[in-house]
Amino acid sequence: MATTFFSRWKTGLERTRKVAFGRLSQLFGATKITEDIWDELEAILIQADLGVNITQQVIATLHKRVFDEGLTQPADLQKALQEELLQLLEPAPHLDFSHEHPAVILLVGVNGSGKTTTAAKLAALFTSQKKSVILAAADTFRAAAVDQLQVWGERLKVPVIAGQPNADPGAVAYDAVQAAIARKADYLLVDTAGRLHTRTNLMEELKKVYRVIGKALPGAPHATWLVLDATTGQNALNQARSFKEAVNVTGIILTKLDSSAHGGMAFAIQNELHLPILYAGLGEKPDDLQVFDRQAFVENIFEPR
């Protein structure tokens, strides 16, 4: 089990490890810590999408540790770097929805971020935990999204609540909440239309869906999870800020990590937005959606020494 878990993270982070952090192995293979190492390390971290502010913060902390702890070997500097990166990430919080019946989770994000597939993967995860799940196809403007969710629903034996093409997404969400209450479901996962965070009218529509869910069930949605495509790098930060302002985002799901060389943006997301990363997509299979493990993430973006 542990081997499978470790190998999933190792395989899923291969592109980030080789492209973004690959030069670190050569850098830390030097015989001693020199000024050149600092310049190169700064460039690598910025190019790995940590962002300038976090990179400078990490470099400053490492400088202090080298001085305070008397570090002279690059291998010691690598260990210190891993420790500092680990501190930038919060442990994934324990999610407890046992007091909510149903627990309503709203999934939001831009076009192409992988919301619909993620909704299905979450449904697979929750049903594997012996929980009953209903999916709501509130992406009413993209027929393919509704069809895709219904195919997943059939495959997972999970009911899907959908409206007519171009139906009001708020009405679909309302009906789905009513259905989840009536069927005593444990979870309702609401898939919404992808929208550019810069389009004010679409963000207003998303706020309406959020409000309608609250009218259908006071206190809902109980969580709003922003699905971010890891391949978008630093642009994901701008998306996250806008969605957080619009609908009280409570957590991040980072998709397509296996296709991305921009895994470093995970540090920027958490450091600047203070939102926990809940799950990571490490592949296309349903069980490739993994609870985010900061230790596994940090260890596997470095080439083994």
Protein backbone atom coordinates (compact mmCIF):
# COMPACT_ATOMS: atom_id res chain seq x y z
CA MET A 1 0.00 0.00 0.00
CA ALA A 2 2.75 2.47 1.01
CA THR A 3 4.74 1.52 -2.08
CA THR A 4 1.75 2.18 -4.32
CA PHE A 5 1.14 5.53 -2.62
CA PHE A 6 4.79 6.59 -2.98
CA SER A 7 5.04 5.44 -6.60
CA ARG A 8 1.88 7.38 -7.50
CA TRP A 9 3.42 10.61 -6.25
CA LYS A 10 6.78 9.82 -7.84
CA THR A 11 5.20 9.12 -11.23
CA GLY A 12 2.74 12.00 -10.99
CA LEU A 13 5.44 14.56 -10.26
CA GLU A 14 7.92 13.34 -12.88
CA ARG A 15 7.57 16.37 -15.17
CA THR A 16 7.87 18.87 -12.32
CA ARG A 17 10.86 16.96 -10.94
CA LYS A 18 12.73 16.73 -14.25
CA VAL A 19 11.86 20.06 -15.83
CA ALA A 20 11.40 22.47 -12.93
CA PHE A 21 13.62 21.06 -10.20
CA GLY A 22 15.91 18.80 -12.24
CA ARG A 23 18.84 21.22 -12.18
CA LEU A 24 18.92 21.05 -8.38
CA SER A 25 20.62 17.63 -8.42
CA GLN A 26 23.53 19.04 -10.37
CA LEU A 27 23.58 22.17 -8.23
CA PHE A 28 23.70 20.25 -4.96
CA GLY A 29 26.28 17.88 -6.37
CA ALA A 30 28.96 20.59 -5.99
CA THR A 31 31.71 20.20 -3.44
CA LYS A 32 30.90 23.30 -1.38
CA ILE A 33 28.40 26.12 -1.00
CA THR A 34 29.48 29.10 -3.10
CA GLU A 35 27.93 32.40 -4.13
CA ASP A 36 27.21 30.89 -7.54
CA ILE A 37 24.99 28.30 -5.90
CA TRP A 38 22.75 31.03 -4.45
CA ASP A 39 22.24 32.76 -7.80
CA GLU A 40 21.49 29.48 -9.55
CA LEU A 41 19.14 28.33 -6.78
CA GLU A 42 17.18 31.57 -6.97
CA ALA A 43 16.80 31.23 -10.74
CA ILE A 44 15.66 27.58 -10.46
CA LEU A 45 13.02 28.33 -7.83
CA ILE A 46 11.59 31.27 -9.78
CA GLN A 47 11.48 29.22 -12.97
CA ALA A 48 9.76 26.42 -11.03
CA ASP A 49 6.88 28.87 -10.42
CA LEU A 50 7.35 29.49 -6.71
CA GLY A 51 7.13 33.19 -7.48
CA VAL A 52 9.63 35.95 -6.76
CA ASN A 53 8.44 36.82 -3.25
CA ILE A 54 8.46 33.27 -1.92
CA THR A 55 11.78 32.53 -3.62
CA GLN A 56 13.42 35.53 -1.96
CA GLN A 57 11.90 34.53 1.39
CA VAL A 58 13.26 30.97 1.04
CA ILE A 59 16.72 32.17 -0.05
CA ALA A 60 16.92 34.58 2.89
CA THR A 61 15.95 31.84 5.35
CA LEU A 62 18.50 29.44 3.87
CA HIS A 63 21.25 32.09 4.05
CA LYS A 64 20.49 32.50 7.74
CA ARG A 65 20.51 28.75 8.35
CA VAL A 66 23.84 28.32 6.60
CA PHE A 67 25.32 31.01 8.84
CA ASP A 68 23.62 29.92 12.09
CA GLU A 69 24.13 26.18 11.63
CA GLY A 70 27.52 26.36 9.95
CA LEU A 71 26.39 24.43 6.87
CA THR A 72 29.15 23.91 4.31
CA GLN A 73 27.99 20.98 2.17
CA PRO A 74 25.47 21.43 -0.68
CA ALA A 75 23.78 18.20 0.44
CA ASP A 76 23.02 19.90 3.77
CA LEU A 77 21.66 22.90 1.88
CA GLN A 78 19.34 20.61 -0.11
CA LYS A 79 18.01 19.08 3.11
CA ALA A 80 17.44 22.57 4.52
CA LEU A 81 15.65 23.61 1.31
CA GLN A 82 13.33 20.61 1.52
CA GLU A 83 12.55 21.45 5.13
CA GLU A 84 11.77 25.08 4.26
CA LEU A 85 9.55 24.09 1.33
CA LEU A 86 7.69 21.68 3.55
CA GLN A 87 6.97 24.50 6.00
CA LEU A 88 5.39 26.53 3.20
CA LEU A 89 2.67 23.91 2.79
CA GLU A 90 -0.11 23.24 5.27
CA PRO A 91 -1.03 19.63 5.98
CA ALA A 92 -4.27 18.77 4.19
CA PRO A 93 -7.02 19.35 6.78
CA HIS A 94 -9.17 16.50 7.99
CA LEU A 95 -12.50 16.92 6.23
CA ASP A 96 -15.44 16.00 8.40
CA PHE A 97 -18.90 16.41 6.91
CA SER A 98 -20.54 13.84 9.18
CA HIS A 99 -22.85 16.48 10.69
CA GLU A 100 -24.16 17.64 7.30
CA HIS A 101 -26.98 15.70 5.61
CA PRO A 102 -26.33 16.09 2.78
CA ALA A 103 -22.91 17.72 2.63
CA VAL A 104 -23.09 20.07 -0.35
CA ILE A 105 -19.79 20.73 -2.12
CA LEU A 106 -19.62 23.34 -4.89
CA LEU A 107 -16.88 22.90 -7.51
CA VAL A 108 -15.74 26.06 -9.32
CA GLY A 109 -12.96 27.02 -11.71
CA VAL A 110 -12.07 28.25 -15.19
CA ASN A 111 -12.73 26.44 -18.47
CA GLY A 112 -10.67 23.32 -18.95
CA SER A 113 -9.45 23.04 -15.37
CA GLY A 114 -10.93 19.56 -15.01
CA LYS A 115 -13.97 20.24 -12.81
CA THR A 116 -16.27 17.65 -14.36
CA THR A 117 -13.68 14.87 -14.23
CA THR A 118 -12.78 15.92 -10.69
CA ALA A 119 -16.44 15.76 -9.63
CA ALA A 120 -16.56 12.19 -10.92
CA LYS A 121 -13.29 11.27 -9.18
CA LEU A 122 -14.59 12.70 -5.90
CA ALA A 123 -17.77 10.69 -6.35
CA ALA A 124 -15.66 7.56 -6.85
CA LEU A 125 -13.62 8.39 -3.74
CA PHE A 126 -16.67 8.97 -1.55
CA THR A 127 -18.53 5.89 -2.78
CA SER A 128 -15.42 3.82 -2.02
CA GLN A 129 -15.86 5.07 1.54
CA LYS A 130 -19.41 3.63 1.51
CA LYS A 131 -21.02 7.07 1.23
CA SER A 132 -24.01 7.85 -0.99
CA VAL A 133 -23.37 10.56 -3.57
CA ILE A 134 -25.44 12.61 -6.00
CA LEU A 135 -23.89 14.64 -8.82
CA ALA A 136 -25.44 17.90 -10.05
CA ALA A 137 -24.73 18.90 -13.65
CA ALA A 138 -25.03 22.67 -13.22
CA ASP A 139 -22.78 23.32 -16.23
CA THR A 140 -25.87 23.76 -18.38
CA PHE A 141 -24.24 25.69 -21.21
CA ARG A 142 -21.89 22.91 -22.29
CA ALA A 143 -23.85 19.86 -23.37
CA ALA A 144 -20.67 17.79 -23.39
CA ALA A 145 -20.20 18.47 -19.66
CA VAL A 146 -23.67 17.13 -18.83
CA ASP A 147 -23.13 14.09 -21.07
CA GLN A 148 -19.70 13.49 -19.55
CA LEU A 149 -21.08 13.62 -16.02
CA GLN A 150 -23.95 11.29 -16.92
CA VAL A 151 -21.52 8.76 -18.40
CA TRP A 152 -19.49 8.91 -15.20
CA GLY A 153 -22.69 8.58 -13.17
CA GLU A 154 -23.65 5.40 -15.00
CA ARG A 155 -20.17 3.99 -14.61
CA LEU A 156 -20.06 4.76 -10.88
CA LYS A 157 -23.75 3.99 -10.30
CA VAL A 158 -24.24 7.50 -8.95
CA PRO A 159 -27.42 9.54 -9.71
CA VAL A 160 -26.94 12.70 -11.79
CA ILE A 161 -29.38 15.62 -11.56
CA ALA A 162 -29.41 17.58 -14.83
CA GLY A 163 -31.65 20.18 -16.44
CA GLN A 164 -32.45 20.98 -20.04
CA PRO A 165 -29.71 22.49 -22.25
CA ASN A 166 -29.19 26.17 -21.38
CA ALA A 167 -31.33 25.80 -18.25
CA ASP A 168 -30.72 28.14 -15.36
CA PRO A 169 -27.77 26.61 -13.44
CA GLY A 170 -29.20 27.95 -10.18
CA ALA A 171 -32.44 26.03 -10.78
CA VAL A 172 -30.50 22.82 -11.45
CA ALA A 173 -28.50 23.31 -8.25
CA TYR A 174 -31.71 23.97 -6.28
CA ASP A 175 -33.38 20.83 -7.65
CA ALA A 176 -30.25 18.81 -6.90
CA VAL A 177 -30.22 19.97 -3.26
CA GLN A 178 -33.90 19.02 -2.91
CA ALA A 179 -33.19 15.60 -4.43
CA ALA A 180 -30.20 15.03 -2.15
CA ILE A 181 -32.31 15.88 0.90
CA ALA A 182 -35.18 13.64 -0.22
CA ARG A 183 -32.85 10.69 -0.97
CA LYS A 184 -30.88 11.21 2.25
CA ALA A 185 -27.59 11.38 0.32
CA ASP A 186 -24.32 11.83 2.19
CA TYR A 187 -22.82 14.09 -0.46
CA LEU A 188 -24.03 16.37 -3.23
CA LEU A 189 -21.29 17.45 -5.63
CA VAL A 190 -22.29 20.45 -7.77
CA ASP A 191 -20.35 20.82 -11.03
CA THR A 192 -20.52 24.38 -12.41
CA ALA A 193 -19.69 25.90 -15.77
CA GLY A 194 -16.10 26.92 -16.32
CA ARG A 195 -15.78 30.67 -16.40
CA LEU A 196 -12.97 33.10 -16.94
CA HIS A 197 -12.23 34.85 -13.67
CA THR A 198 -12.09 38.14 -15.60
CA ARG A 199 -15.70 37.92 -16.84
CA THR A 200 -17.76 39.85 -14.31
CA ASN A 201 -21.17 38.69 -15.56
CA LEU A 202 -20.19 35.01 -15.32
CA MET A 203 -18.78 35.46 -11.83
CA GLU A 204 -22.06 37.13 -10.81
CA GLU A 205 -23.93 34.10 -12.13
CA LEU A 206 -21.72 31.86 -10.00
CA LYS A 207 -22.54 33.96 -6.94
CA LYS A 208 -26.22 33.40 -7.74
CA VAL A 209 -25.74 29.60 -7.81
CA TYR A 210 -23.99 29.89 -4.43
CA ARG A 211 -26.90 31.90 -2.98
CA VAL A 212 -29.56 29.58 -4.40
CA ILE A 213 -27.90 26.56 -2.80
CA GLY A 214 -28.03 28.42 0.52
CA LYS A 215 -31.76 29.06 0.08
CA ALA A 216 -32.40 25.41 -0.73
CA LEU A 217 -30.48 24.30 2.35
CA PRO A 218 -29.45 26.88 4.99
CA GLY A 219 -25.72 26.67 5.67
CA ALA A 220 -24.96 25.17 2.27
CA PRO A 221 -22.72 24.92 0.38
CA HIS A 222 -20.67 23.41 3.18
CA ALA A 223 -17.51 23.65 1.09
CA THR A 224 -16.50 25.43 -2.11
CA TRP A 225 -13.53 23.86 -3.81
CA LEU A 226 -11.61 25.62 -6.55
CA VAL A 227 -10.29 23.29 -9.22
CA LEU A 228 -6.99 24.62 -10.60
CA ASP A 229 -5.07 23.27 -13.57
CA ALA A 230 -1.43 22.85 -12.46
CA THR A 231 -0.22 23.38 -16.04
CA THR A 232 -1.28 27.05 -15.91
CA GLY A 233 1.50 28.02 -13.49
CA GLN A 234 1.39 31.46 -11.89
CA ASN A 235 -1.78 32.44 -13.79
CA ALA A 236 -3.60 30.07 -11.46
CA LEU A 237 -2.92 32.54 -8.65
CA ASN A 238 -4.93 35.27 -10.37
CA GLN A 239 -7.78 32.81 -10.94
CA ALA A 240 -7.73 31.73 -7.30
CA ARG A 241 -7.88 35.31 -5.99
CA SER A 242 -10.96 36.13 -8.09
CA PHE A 243 -12.87 32.99 -7.16
CA LYS A 244 -11.97 33.38 -3.49
CA GLU A 245 -13.45 36.88 -3.50
CA ALA A 246 -16.59 35.78 -5.34
CA VAL A 247 -17.72 32.61 -3.56
CA ASN A 248 -15.78 32.01 -0.35
CA VAL A 249 -13.48 29.27 -1.64
CA THR A 250 -12.49 26.93 1.20
CA GLY A 251 -9.95 24.68 -0.52
CA ILE A 252 -8.01 23.90 -3.67
CA ILE A 253 -7.92 20.82 -5.87
CA LEU A 254 -4.81 20.85 -8.03
CA THR A 255 -5.40 18.88 -11.23
CA LYS A 256 -3.07 17.65 -13.98
CA LEU A 257 0.05 17.62 -11.81
CA ASP A 258 1.21 14.65 -13.86
CA SER A 259 1.12 16.80 -17.03
CA SER A 260 2.72 19.86 -15.47
CA ALA A 261 6.21 21.20 -15.05
CA HIS A 262 4.74 23.99 -12.89
CA GLY A 263 4.24 22.08 -9.65
CA GLY A 264 6.07 24.83 -7.76
CA MET A 265 2.98 27.03 -7.95
CA ALA A 266 1.50 24.91 -5.14
CA PHE A 267 3.75 26.83 -2.75
CA ALA A 268 2.65 30.19 -4.14
CA ILE A 269 -1.05 29.30 -3.92
CA GLN A 270 -0.88 28.34 -0.29
CA ASN A 271 1.54 31.03 0.80
CA GLU A 272 -0.29 33.95 -0.80
CA LEU A 273 -3.91 32.82 -0.55
CA HIS A 274 -3.80 30.79 2.67
CA LEU A 275 -6.05 28.16 1.17
CA PRO A 276 -5.36 24.48 1.83
CA ILE A 277 -4.65 22.17 -1.09
CA LEU A 278 -7.04 19.29 -0.45
CA TYR A 279 -6.48 16.94 -3.36
CA ALA A 280 -4.01 16.49 -6.20
CA GLY A 281 -4.68 14.93 -9.59
CA LEU A 282 -1.80 12.61 -10.42
CA GLY A 283 -3.29 10.89 -13.46
CA GLU A 284 -6.47 10.16 -15.39
CA LYS A 285 -7.81 7.18 -13.43
CA PRO A 286 -10.41 7.77 -10.70
CA ASP A 287 -8.03 6.64 -7.95
CA ASP A 288 -5.32 9.01 -9.21
CA LEU A 289 -7.05 11.81 -7.29
CA GLN A 290 -5.11 11.71 -4.04
CA VAL A 291 -5.47 13.55 -0.74
CA PHE A 292 -2.72 16.16 -0.91
CA ASP A 293 0.32 14.97 1.02
CA ARG A 294 2.86 17.73 1.52
CA GLN A 295 5.63 15.32 2.55
CA ALA A 296 5.17 13.17 -0.56
CA PHE A 297 4.91 16.29 -2.72
CA VAL A 298 8.15 17.88 -1.48
CA GLU A 299 10.13 14.62 -1.47
CA ASN A 300 9.11 13.78 -5.03
CA ILE A 301 9.92 17.11 -6.70
CA PHE A 302 13.58 16.40 -5.94
CA GLU A 303 15.66 13.85 -7.80
CA PRO A 304 16.86 11.25 -5.26
CA ARG A 305 20.43 11.81 -4.16
